[in-house]
C-alpha atoms as a PDB file:
ATOM      1  CA  UNK A   1      23.581  38.802  46.016  1.00  0.00           C
ATOM      2  CA  UNK A   2      20.677  41.191  46.320  1.00  0.00           C
ATOM      3  CA  UNK A   3      18.851  39.450  43.385  1.00  0.00           C
ATOM      4  CA  UNK A   4      18.369  36.143  45.215  1.00  0.00           C
ATOM      5  CA  UNK A   5      15.348  36.058  47.508  1.00  0.00           C
ATOM      6  CA  UNK A   6      15.249  33.981  50.621  1.00  0.00           C
ATOM      7  CA  UNK A   7      13.283  30.728  50.601  1.00  0.00           C
ATOM      8  CA  UNK A   8      10.868  30.087  53.428  1.00  0.00           C
ATOM      9  CA  UNK A   9       9.345  26.741  54.377  1.00  0.00           C
ATOM     10  CA  UNK A  10       5.605  26.548  53.948  1.00  0.00           C
ATOM     11  CA  UNK A  11       3.334  24.579  56.254  1.00  0.00           C
ATOM     12  CA  UNK A  12       1.452  21.685  54.698  1.00  0.00           C
ATOM     13  CA  UNK A  13      -2.358  21.929  54.636  1.00  0.00           C
ATOM     14  CA  UNK A  14      -4.145  19.832  57.204  1.00  0.00           C
ATOM     15  CA  UNK A  15      -5.136  16.358  55.943  1.00  0.00           C
ATOM     16  CA  UNK A  16      -8.830  15.514  55.948  1.00  0.00           C
ATOM     17  CA  UNK A  17     -10.107  12.270  57.347  1.00  0.00           C
ATOM     18  CA  UNK A  18     -11.774  10.910  54.168  1.00  0.00           C
ATOM     19  CA  UNK A  19     -12.553  11.920  50.637  1.00  0.00           C
ATOM     20  CA  UNK A  20     -16.033  13.324  49.968  1.00  0.00           C
ATOM     21  CA  UNK A  21     -17.816  11.037  47.514  1.00  0.00           C
ATOM     22  CA  UNK A  22     -19.541  13.988  45.735  1.00  0.00           C
ATOM     23  CA  UNK A  23     -16.203  15.709  45.073  1.00  0.00           C
ATOM     24  CA  UNK A  24     -14.789  12.557  43.547  1.00  0.00           C
ATOM     25  CA  UNK A  25     -17.888  12.136  41.311  1.00  0.00           C
ATOM     26  CA  UNK A  26     -17.778  15.720  40.135  1.00  0.00           C
ATOM     27  CA  UNK A  27     -14.102  15.220  39.358  1.00  0.00           C
ATOM     28  CA  UNK A  28     -14.920  12.264  37.119  1.00  0.00           C
ATOM     29  CA  UNK A  29     -17.892  13.957  35.464  1.00  0.00           C
ATOM     30  CA  UNK A  30     -15.904  15.583  32.604  1.00  0.00           C
ATOM     31  CA  UNK A  31     -14.251  12.215  31.827  1.00  0.00           C
ATOM     32  CA  UNK A  32     -17.607  10.471  31.679  1.00  0.00           C
ATOM     33  CA  UNK A  33     -19.164  13.194  29.522  1.00  0.00           C
ATOM     34  CA  UNK A  34     -16.163  12.993  27.131  1.00  0.00           C
ATOM     35  CA  UNK A  35     -16.614   9.289  26.767  1.00  0.00           C
ATOM     36  CA  UNK A  36     -20.339   9.642  26.093  1.00  0.00           C
ATOM     37  CA  UNK A  37     -19.716  12.255  23.375  1.00  0.00           C
ATOM     38  CA  UNK A  38     -16.943  10.136  21.886  1.00  0.00           C
ATOM     39  CA  UNK A  39     -19.340   7.139  21.739  1.00  0.00           C
ATOM     40  CA  UNK A  40     -22.108   8.963  19.921  1.00  0.00           C
ATOM     41  CA  UNK A  41     -19.800  10.938  17.576  1.00  0.00           C
ATOM     42  CA  UNK A  42     -17.266   8.276  16.621  1.00  0.00           C
ATOM     43  CA  UNK A  43     -17.870   4.772  17.865  1.00  0.00           C
ATOM     44  CA  UNK A  44     -21.588   4.312  17.145  1.00  0.00           C
ATOM     45  CA  UNK A  45     -21.490   5.615  13.519  1.00  0.00           C
ATOM     46  CA  UNK A  46     -18.461   3.450  12.784  1.00  0.00           C
ATOM     47  CA  UNK A  47     -20.241   0.371  14.041  1.00  0.00           C
ATOM     48  CA  UNK A  48     -23.301   1.279  11.931  1.00  0.00           C
ATOM     49  CA  UNK A  49     -21.096   1.598   8.787  1.00  0.00           C
ATOM     50  CA  UNK A  50     -19.446  -1.764   9.513  1.00  0.00           C
ATOM     51  CA  UNK A  51     -22.847  -3.484   9.819  1.00  0.00           C
ATOM     52  CA  UNK A  52     -24.081  -1.891   6.609  1.00  0.00           C
ATOM     53  CA  UNK A  53     -20.907  -2.946   4.758  1.00  0.00           C
ATOM     54  CA  UNK A  54     -21.192  -6.551   6.010  1.00  0.00           C
ATOM     55  CA  UNK A  55     -24.836  -6.683   4.868  1.00  0.00           C
ATOM     56  CA  UNK A  56     -23.823  -5.381   1.441  1.00  0.00           C
ATOM     57  CA  UNK A  57     -21.008  -7.926   1.150  1.00  0.00           C
ATOM     58  CA  UNK A  58     -23.379 -10.778   2.157  1.00  0.00           C
ATOM     59  CA  UNK A  59     -25.964  -9.672  -0.429  1.00  0.00           C
ATOM     60  CA  UNK A  60     -23.573  -9.699  -3.392  1.00  0.00           C
ATOM     61  CA  UNK A  61     -24.807 -11.783  -6.275  1.00  0.00           C
ATOM     62  CA  UNK A  62     -23.540 -12.842  -9.682  1.00  0.00           C
ATOM     63  CA  UNK A  63     -24.068 -10.029 -12.193  1.00  0.00           C
ATOM     64  CA  UNK A  64     -23.806  -7.163  -9.686  1.00  0.00           C
ATOM     65  CA  UNK A  65     -21.769  -4.195 -10.827  1.00  0.00           C
ATOM     66  CA  UNK A  66     -19.401  -3.050  -8.071  1.00  0.00           C
ATOM     67  CA  UNK A  67     -16.613  -0.656  -7.269  1.00  0.00           C
ATOM     68  CA  UNK A  68     -13.612  -1.897  -5.228  1.00  0.00           C
ATOM     69  CA  UNK A  69     -11.358  -0.182  -2.735  1.00  0.00           C
ATOM     70  CA  UNK A  70      -8.636  -0.052  -5.405  1.00  0.00           C
ATOM     71  CA  UNK A  71     -10.902   1.805  -7.822  1.00  0.00           C
ATOM     72  CA  UNK A  72     -11.695  -1.063 -10.118  1.00  0.00           C
ATOM     73  CA  UNK A  73     -15.180  -1.165 -11.648  1.00  0.00           C
ATOM     74  CA  UNK A  74     -16.578  -4.432 -12.894  1.00  0.00           C
ATOM     75  CA  UNK A  75     -19.275  -7.063 -12.934  1.00  0.00           C
ATOM     76  CA  UNK A  76     -19.219  -9.981 -10.479  1.00  0.00           C
ATOM     77  CA  UNK A  77     -18.877 -13.223 -12.470  1.00  0.00           C
ATOM     78  CA  UNK A  78     -18.195 -15.801  -9.699  1.00  0.00           C
ATOM     79  CA  UNK A  79     -18.681 -15.732  -5.956  1.00  0.00           C
ATOM     80  CA  UNK A  80     -16.866 -17.789  -3.344  1.00  0.00           C
ATOM     81  CA  UNK A  81     -16.981 -17.776   0.453  1.00  0.00           C
ATOM     82  CA  UNK A  82     -14.260 -15.164   0.903  1.00  0.00           C
ATOM     83  CA  UNK A  83     -13.386 -14.226  -2.696  1.00  0.00           C
ATOM     84  CA  UNK A  84     -15.114 -13.220  -5.861  1.00  0.00           C
ATOM     85  CA  UNK A  85     -14.171 -12.887  -9.491  1.00  0.00           C
ATOM     86  CA  UNK A  86     -14.706  -9.515 -11.100  1.00  0.00           C
ATOM     87  CA  UNK A  87     -14.998  -9.170 -14.855  1.00  0.00           C
ATOM     88  CA  UNK A  88     -13.367  -5.830 -15.749  1.00  0.00           C
ATOM     89  CA  UNK A  89     -13.715  -6.122 -19.497  1.00  0.00           C
ATOM     90  CA  UNK A  90     -14.580  -8.919 -21.983  1.00  0.00           C
ATOM     91  CA  UNK A  91     -12.141 -11.743 -21.170  1.00  0.00           C
ATOM     92  CA  UNK A  92     -10.397  -9.853 -18.333  1.00  0.00           C
ATOM     93  CA  UNK A  93     -11.204 -11.248 -14.868  1.00  0.00           C
ATOM     94  CA  UNK A  94      -9.620 -10.435 -11.514  1.00  0.00           C
ATOM     95  CA  UNK A  95     -10.030 -12.448  -8.320  1.00  0.00           C
ATOM     96  CA  UNK A  96     -10.262 -10.350  -5.141  1.00  0.00           C
ATOM     97  CA  UNK A  97     -11.511 -10.574  -1.570  1.00  0.00           C
ATOM     98  CA  UNK A  98     -15.190  -9.817  -0.959  1.00  0.00           C
ATOM     99  CA  UNK A  99     -14.266  -7.188   1.627  1.00  0.00           C
ATOM    100  CA  UNK A 100     -12.542  -5.123  -1.069  1.00  0.00           C
ATOM    101  CA  UNK A 101     -15.920  -4.214  -2.560  1.00  0.00           C
ATOM    102  CA  UNK A 102     -16.919  -0.786  -1.268  1.00  0.00           C
ATOM    103  CA  UNK A 103     -20.015  -0.036  -3.386  1.00  0.00           C
ATOM    104  CA  UNK A 104     -22.619  -1.824  -5.418  1.00  0.00           C
ATOM    105  CA  UNK A 105     -23.397   0.282  -8.461  1.00  0.00           C
ATOM    106  CA  UNK A 106     -26.811   0.581 -10.120  1.00  0.00           C
ATOM    107  CA  UNK A 107     -27.368  -1.861 -13.019  1.00  0.00           C
ATOM    108  CA  UNK A 108     -26.111  -0.418 -16.327  1.00  0.00           C
ATOM    109  CA  UNK A 109     -23.445   1.842 -14.782  1.00  0.00           C
ATOM    110  CA  UNK A 110     -20.605   0.024 -16.486  1.00  0.00           C
ATOM    111  CA  UNK A 111     -20.646  -0.092 -20.253  1.00  0.00           C
END
């Protein structure tokens, strides 16, 4: 019985009439700063990469040598609106989506 301490009621702090606008703004400042850093570190570079990838996909032409997301290397033989035909070797052609192309290789890369 001597290990249990007595509990005493505490008085509640006095309520203020209204919230101070500066204290609410300084409370939100870390959240706003976190969003700004997140935008410049993650969101903006991702949007830039998407724009560059779309420009590369739109600029594809017959005869370009490309690498796909699956690791295939080949030469573009036909181009459609959403698909293209990739020649992997003589007589071996694969049809795939244009968005699967991840890189346009320099001419003469594939032998």
